[in-house]
Amino acid sequence: MNLDIYKTKLMTEKKLLEEELIGLGQVDKTGDWKATPENDLNNQEVEDFGDQADKATDFEERSSKLDLLESRLSDIDEALEKIENKNYGSCEICENQIEEDRLEVNPAAPTCKQCMEKNV
């Protein structure tokens, strides 16, 4: 298994995720990502109920996207840590090798195909 290929893929995806996260929010003092309001809706002086509803909906959508992206970033960070610790590619459940075709599709995959199917 060529770890450099997977490390490159993970680092590339990490960079893209971080850029996307920055567009949706910012990191707070605890290191967690928090959604921020979109600028164009935030700059109005007088808001009506429709504007307030739009802001709330937008904020919820941004928060949901941010949560998904933050979770994926965490998976990628864990996979990169496994590469550094020389235990990348082992299933977290059964400890067998994760199939390379699975890692090709998802280099941050924590489980082999068989264990993934059991947990779905």
N, C-alpha and C. Protein backbone atom coordinates (compact mmCIF):
# COMPACT_ATOMS: atom_id res chain seq x y z
N MET A 1 0.86 -1.18 0.00
CA MET A 1 0.00 0.00 0.00
C MET A 1 0.90 1.23 0.00
N ASN A 2 0.65 2.13 -0.95
CA ASN A 2 1.43 3.35 -1.05
C ASN A 2 0.76 4.45 -0.21
N LEU A 3 1.29 4.66 0.99
CA LEU A 3 0.69 5.62 1.92
C LEU A 3 0.78 7.07 1.41
N ASP A 4 1.79 7.36 0.61
CA ASP A 4 1.93 8.72 0.09
C ASP A 4 0.73 9.14 -0.76
N ILE A 5 0.18 8.20 -1.51
CA ILE A 5 -0.99 8.50 -2.34
C ILE A 5 -2.17 8.89 -1.45
N TYR A 6 -2.41 8.09 -0.41
CA TYR A 6 -3.54 8.36 0.48
C TYR A 6 -3.32 9.64 1.29
N LYS A 7 -2.09 9.85 1.71
CA LYS A 7 -1.79 11.08 2.46
C LYS A 7 -2.03 12.31 1.60
N THR A 8 -1.62 12.25 0.35
CA THR A 8 -1.85 13.38 -0.57
C THR A 8 -3.35 13.62 -0.76
N LYS A 9 -4.10 12.55 -0.97
CA LYS A 9 -5.55 12.69 -1.14
C LYS A 9 -6.18 13.31 0.11
N LEU A 10 -5.78 12.82 1.27
CA LEU A 10 -6.34 13.33 2.52
C LEU A 10 -5.97 14.80 2.74
N MET A 11 -4.74 15.16 2.46
CA MET A 11 -4.31 16.55 2.65
C MET A 11 -5.04 17.48 1.68
N THR A 12 -5.26 17.03 0.45
CA THR A 12 -5.98 17.84 -0.53
C THR A 12 -7.42 18.06 -0.08
N GLU A 13 -8.07 16.98 0.37
CA GLU A 13 -9.46 17.12 0.84
C GLU A 13 -9.51 17.98 2.09
N LYS A 14 -8.54 17.85 2.97
CA LYS A 14 -8.51 18.66 4.20
C LYS A 14 -8.45 20.15 3.86
N LYS A 15 -7.61 20.50 2.91
CA LYS A 15 -7.48 21.90 2.51
C LYS A 15 -8.81 22.43 1.96
N LEU A 16 -9.47 21.65 1.11
CA LEU A 16 -10.76 22.06 0.55
C LEU A 16 -11.82 22.22 1.65
N LEU A 17 -11.84 21.28 2.58
CA LEU A 17 -12.81 21.35 3.68
C LEU A 17 -12.57 22.58 4.54
N GLU A 18 -11.31 22.86 4.84
CA GLU A 18 -11.01 24.03 5.66
C GLU A 18 -11.43 25.32 4.97
N GLU A 19 -11.25 25.40 3.66
CA GLU A 19 -11.68 26.58 2.91
C GLU A 19 -13.20 26.72 2.97
N GLU A 20 -13.89 25.60 2.83
CA GLU A 20 -15.34 25.62 2.88
C GLU A 20 -15.84 25.99 4.28
N LEU A 21 -15.19 25.46 5.28
CA LEU A 21 -15.55 25.78 6.67
C LEU A 21 -15.37 27.26 6.96
N ILE A 22 -14.29 27.85 6.47
CA ILE A 22 -14.04 29.27 6.68
C ILE A 22 -15.16 30.11 6.06
N GLY A 23 -15.71 29.64 4.95
CA GLY A 23 -16.81 30.35 4.30
C GLY A 23 -18.13 30.26 5.07
N LEU A 24 -18.22 29.30 5.96
CA LEU A 24 -19.47 29.10 6.71
C LEU A 24 -19.39 29.56 8.16
N GLY A 25 -18.20 29.63 8.70
CA GLY A 25 -18.11 29.96 10.12
C GLY A 25 -16.70 30.29 10.53
N GLN A 26 -16.47 30.17 11.83
CA GLN A 26 -15.15 30.43 12.38
C GLN A 26 -14.92 29.54 13.60
N VAL A 27 -13.67 29.38 13.96
CA VAL A 27 -13.31 28.55 15.10
C VAL A 27 -13.43 29.38 16.37
N ASP A 28 -14.09 28.80 17.39
CA ASP A 28 -14.21 29.52 18.66
C ASP A 28 -13.01 29.20 19.55
N LYS A 29 -13.03 29.70 20.77
CA LYS A 29 -11.91 29.54 21.69
C LYS A 29 -11.64 28.09 22.06
N THR A 30 -12.66 27.24 21.99
CA THR A 30 -12.50 25.83 22.34
C THR A 30 -12.01 24.99 21.16
N GLY A 31 -11.88 25.60 19.99
CA GLY A 31 -11.43 24.88 18.81
C GLY A 31 -12.55 24.30 17.97
N ASP A 32 -13.80 24.56 18.37
CA ASP A 32 -14.95 24.08 17.60
C ASP A 32 -15.36 25.13 16.57
N TRP A 33 -15.91 24.63 15.47
CA TRP A 33 -16.42 25.52 14.43
C TRP A 33 -17.83 25.96 14.79
N LYS A 34 -18.11 27.25 14.63
CA LYS A 34 -19.43 27.82 14.85
C LYS A 34 -19.85 28.57 13.60
N ALA A 35 -21.10 28.38 13.21
CA ALA A 35 -21.61 29.06 12.02
C ALA A 35 -21.70 30.56 12.29
N THR A 36 -21.46 31.32 11.23
CA THR A 36 -21.64 32.77 11.30
C THR A 36 -22.69 33.16 10.27
N PRO A 37 -23.43 34.24 10.55
CA PRO A 37 -24.45 34.67 9.57
C PRO A 37 -23.81 35.10 8.26
N GLU A 38 -24.55 34.94 7.19
CA GLU A 38 -24.07 35.39 5.89
C GLU A 38 -24.10 36.90 5.86
N ASN A 39 -23.07 37.51 5.30
CA ASN A 39 -22.89 38.97 5.39
C ASN A 39 -24.01 39.79 4.79
N ASP A 40 -24.54 39.44 3.63
CA ASP A 40 -25.53 40.30 2.98
C ASP A 40 -26.82 40.40 3.77
N LEU A 41 -27.21 39.36 4.48
CA LEU A 41 -28.41 39.43 5.31
C LEU A 41 -28.13 40.14 6.64
N ASN A 42 -26.90 40.23 7.01
CA ASN A 42 -26.54 40.79 8.31
C ASN A 42 -26.39 42.30 8.27
N ASN A 43 -26.30 42.90 7.09
CA ASN A 43 -26.01 44.32 6.97
C ASN A 43 -27.25 45.20 6.84
N GLN A 44 -28.43 44.67 6.95
CA GLN A 44 -29.63 45.48 6.82
C GLN A 44 -29.91 46.22 8.12
N GLU A 45 -30.33 47.49 7.98
CA GLU A 45 -30.61 48.28 9.18
C GLU A 45 -31.96 47.92 9.77
N VAL A 46 -32.99 47.83 8.94
CA VAL A 46 -34.34 47.53 9.42
C VAL A 46 -34.74 46.17 8.88
N GLU A 47 -35.12 45.30 9.81
CA GLU A 47 -35.50 43.96 9.39
C GLU A 47 -36.99 43.75 9.64
N ASP A 48 -37.63 43.09 8.70
CA ASP A 48 -39.00 42.69 8.95
C ASP A 48 -39.00 41.22 9.34
N PHE A 49 -40.18 40.69 9.62
CA PHE A 49 -40.26 39.30 10.06
C PHE A 49 -39.74 38.33 8.99
N GLY A 50 -39.98 38.66 7.74
CA GLY A 50 -39.50 37.83 6.64
C GLY A 50 -37.98 37.78 6.60
N ASP A 51 -37.35 38.95 6.81
CA ASP A 51 -35.89 39.00 6.85
C ASP A 51 -35.35 38.18 8.02
N GLN A 52 -36.01 38.29 9.16
CA GLN A 52 -35.58 37.53 10.34
C GLN A 52 -35.72 36.02 10.10
N ALA A 53 -36.80 35.64 9.46
CA ALA A 53 -37.01 34.22 9.14
C ALA A 53 -35.95 33.73 8.16
N ASP A 54 -35.65 34.56 7.16
CA ASP A 54 -34.60 34.20 6.19
C ASP A 54 -33.26 34.02 6.88
N LYS A 55 -32.95 34.92 7.81
CA LYS A 55 -31.68 34.83 8.54
C LYS A 55 -31.62 33.55 9.36
N ALA A 56 -32.73 33.23 10.02
CA ALA A 56 -32.76 32.03 10.86
C ALA A 56 -32.59 30.77 10.01
N THR A 57 -33.28 30.74 8.87
CA THR A 57 -33.19 29.59 7.97
C THR A 57 -31.77 29.46 7.43
N ASP A 58 -31.21 30.57 6.99
CA ASP A 58 -29.84 30.57 6.47
C ASP A 58 -28.85 30.09 7.53
N PHE A 59 -29.01 30.58 8.75
CA PHE A 59 -28.11 30.20 9.83
C PHE A 59 -28.21 28.71 10.12
N GLU A 60 -29.42 28.17 10.13
CA GLU A 60 -29.60 26.73 10.37
C GLU A 60 -28.97 25.90 9.26
N GLU A 61 -29.13 26.33 8.01
CA GLU A 61 -28.52 25.62 6.89
C GLU A 61 -27.00 25.66 6.99
N ARG A 62 -26.46 26.83 7.33
CA ARG A 62 -25.02 26.97 7.47
C ARG A 62 -24.51 26.10 8.63
N SER A 63 -25.26 26.05 9.71
CA SER A 63 -24.87 25.24 10.87
C SER A 63 -24.86 23.76 10.51
N SER A 64 -25.87 23.31 9.78
CA SER A 64 -25.94 21.90 9.38
C SER A 64 -24.78 21.53 8.46
N LYS A 65 -24.51 22.37 7.47
CA LYS A 65 -23.39 22.11 6.57
C LYS A 65 -22.08 22.11 7.33
N LEU A 66 -21.95 23.06 8.23
CA LEU A 66 -20.72 23.15 9.02
C LEU A 66 -20.50 21.90 9.85
N ASP A 67 -21.56 21.39 10.47
CA ASP A 67 -21.45 20.17 11.27
C ASP A 67 -20.99 18.99 10.44
N LEU A 68 -21.54 18.84 9.23
CA LEU A 68 -21.14 17.74 8.35
C LEU A 68 -19.68 17.88 7.92
N LEU A 69 -19.29 19.09 7.56
CA LEU A 69 -17.92 19.32 7.12
C LEU A 69 -16.93 19.13 8.27
N GLU A 70 -17.31 19.58 9.45
CA GLU A 70 -16.44 19.43 10.62
C GLU A 70 -16.25 17.94 10.96
N SER A 71 -17.31 17.16 10.82
CA SER A 71 -17.22 15.73 11.07
C SER A 71 -16.28 15.07 10.06
N ARG A 72 -16.41 15.44 8.80
CA ARG A 72 -15.54 14.89 7.76
C ARG A 72 -14.08 15.29 8.02
N LEU A 73 -13.86 16.53 8.42
CA LEU A 73 -12.52 17.00 8.73
C LEU A 73 -11.92 16.19 9.87
N SER A 74 -12.72 15.89 10.85
CA SER A 74 -12.26 15.06 11.97
C SER A 74 -11.86 13.66 11.49
N ASP A 75 -12.65 13.08 10.60
CA ASP A 75 -12.31 11.76 10.02
C ASP A 75 -10.98 11.82 9.28
N ILE A 76 -10.77 12.89 8.54
CA ILE A 76 -9.54 13.04 7.77
C ILE A 76 -8.35 13.22 8.71
N ASP A 77 -8.52 14.03 9.74
CA ASP A 77 -7.44 14.21 10.72
C ASP A 77 -7.07 12.89 11.39
N GLU A 78 -8.08 12.09 11.70
CA GLU A 78 -7.82 10.77 12.32
C GLU A 78 -7.05 9.87 11.36
N ALA A 79 -7.43 9.89 10.08
CA ALA A 79 -6.73 9.06 9.09
C ALA A 79 -5.28 9.53 8.93
N LEU A 80 -5.05 10.83 8.91
CA LEU A 80 -3.69 11.34 8.80
C LEU A 80 -2.85 10.96 10.03
N GLU A 81 -3.48 10.98 11.18
CA GLU A 81 -2.80 10.57 12.41
C GLU A 81 -2.42 9.08 12.34
N LYS A 82 -3.32 8.28 11.78
CA LYS A 82 -3.03 6.84 11.63
C LYS A 82 -1.85 6.62 10.69
N ILE A 83 -1.76 7.43 9.64
CA ILE A 83 -0.62 7.32 8.73
C ILE A 83 0.67 7.62 9.49
N GLU A 84 0.65 8.68 10.29
CA GLU A 84 1.84 9.04 11.07
C GLU A 84 2.20 7.97 12.09
N ASN A 85 1.18 7.32 12.67
CA ASN A 85 1.41 6.30 13.69
C ASN A 85 1.61 4.90 13.11
N LYS A 86 1.65 4.82 11.79
CA LYS A 86 1.89 3.55 11.08
C LYS A 86 0.81 2.50 11.29
N ASN A 87 -0.44 2.93 11.53
CA ASN A 87 -1.53 1.95 11.63
C ASN A 87 -2.69 2.30 10.70
N TYR A 88 -2.37 2.98 9.62
CA TYR A 88 -3.37 3.34 8.62
C TYR A 88 -3.79 2.11 7.84
N GLY A 89 -5.08 2.02 7.55
CA GLY A 89 -5.58 0.94 6.71
C GLY A 89 -6.10 -0.26 7.47
N SER A 90 -6.07 -0.19 8.80
CA SER A 90 -6.61 -1.28 9.61
C SER A 90 -8.02 -0.93 10.05
N CYS A 91 -8.92 -1.88 9.92
CA CYS A 91 -10.32 -1.68 10.31
C CYS A 91 -10.39 -1.45 11.82
N GLU A 92 -11.14 -0.43 12.22
CA GLU A 92 -11.28 -0.12 13.64
C GLU A 92 -12.10 -1.17 14.40
N ILE A 93 -12.84 -2.00 13.68
CA ILE A 93 -13.70 -2.99 14.34
C ILE A 93 -13.02 -4.36 14.39
N CYS A 94 -12.67 -4.89 13.24
CA CYS A 94 -12.11 -6.26 13.19
C CYS A 94 -10.58 -6.29 13.09
N GLU A 95 -9.98 -5.13 12.83
CA GLU A 95 -8.53 -4.96 12.71
C GLU A 95 -7.92 -5.60 11.47
N ASN A 96 -8.76 -6.10 10.54
CA ASN A 96 -8.26 -6.57 9.25
C ASN A 96 -7.91 -5.37 8.39
N GLN A 97 -7.18 -5.62 7.31
CA GLN A 97 -6.85 -4.55 6.38
C GLN A 97 -8.11 -4.05 5.66
N ILE A 98 -8.23 -2.76 5.52
CA ILE A 98 -9.31 -2.16 4.74
C ILE A 98 -8.95 -2.33 3.27
N GLU A 99 -9.91 -2.73 2.47
CA GLU A 99 -9.69 -2.98 1.05
C GLU A 99 -9.21 -1.70 0.37
N GLU A 100 -8.23 -1.86 -0.53
CA GLU A 100 -7.67 -0.68 -1.21
C GLU A 100 -8.70 0.02 -2.09
N ASP A 101 -9.63 -0.73 -2.69
CA ASP A 101 -10.64 -0.05 -3.51
C ASP A 101 -11.54 0.82 -2.63
N ARG A 102 -11.75 0.42 -1.38
CA ARG A 102 -12.53 1.26 -0.44
C ARG A 102 -11.74 2.51 -0.07
N LEU A 103 -10.45 2.35 0.17
CA LEU A 103 -9.61 3.49 0.51
C LEU A 103 -9.44 4.44 -0.68
N GLU A 104 -9.48 3.90 -1.88
CA GLU A 104 -9.42 4.75 -3.08
C GLU A 104 -10.60 5.71 -3.12
N VAL A 105 -11.78 5.19 -2.77
CA VAL A 105 -13.01 5.98 -2.80
C VAL A 105 -13.08 6.90 -1.58
N ASN A 106 -12.69 6.38 -0.42
CA ASN A 106 -12.76 7.14 0.83
C ASN A 106 -11.49 6.87 1.63
N PRO A 107 -10.45 7.69 1.42
CA PRO A 107 -9.19 7.44 2.11
C PRO A 107 -9.27 7.60 3.63
N ALA A 108 -10.35 8.16 4.13
CA ALA A 108 -10.54 8.31 5.58
C ALA A 108 -11.42 7.20 6.15
N ALA A 109 -11.71 6.18 5.36
CA ALA A 109 -12.59 5.09 5.81
C ALA A 109 -12.00 4.42 7.05
N PRO A 110 -12.79 4.29 8.13
CA PRO A 110 -12.28 3.67 9.34
C PRO A 110 -12.50 2.16 9.41
N THR A 111 -13.32 1.63 8.49
CA THR A 111 -13.68 0.22 8.56
C THR A 111 -13.56 -0.45 7.20
N CYS A 112 -13.44 -1.78 7.23
CA CYS A 112 -13.45 -2.56 6.00
C CYS A 112 -14.90 -2.63 5.48
N LYS A 113 -15.06 -3.16 4.29
CA LYS A 113 -16.40 -3.25 3.69
C LYS A 113 -17.35 -4.11 4.54
N GLN A 114 -16.86 -5.23 5.01
CA GLN A 114 -17.70 -6.14 5.76
C GLN A 114 -18.21 -5.48 7.04
N CYS A 115 -17.36 -4.81 7.78
CA CYS A 115 -17.77 -4.17 9.02
C CYS A 115 -18.66 -2.94 8.74
N MET A 116 -18.37 -2.25 7.63
CA MET A 116 -19.21 -1.12 7.25
C MET A 116 -20.64 -1.58 7.00
N GLU A 117 -20.79 -2.70 6.30
CA GLU A 117 -22.12 -3.22 5.98
C GLU A 117 -22.86 -3.68 7.23
N LYS A 118 -22.14 -4.20 8.22
CA LYS A 118 -22.76 -4.63 9.47
C LYS A 118 -23.29 -3.45 10.26
N ASN A 119 -22.62 -2.29 10.13
CA ASN A 119 -22.98 -1.10 10.93
C ASN A 119 -23.99 -0.20 10.24
N VAL A 120 -24.35 -0.52 9.02
CA VAL A 120 -25.31 0.34 8.30
C VAL A 120 -26.69 0.03 8.66
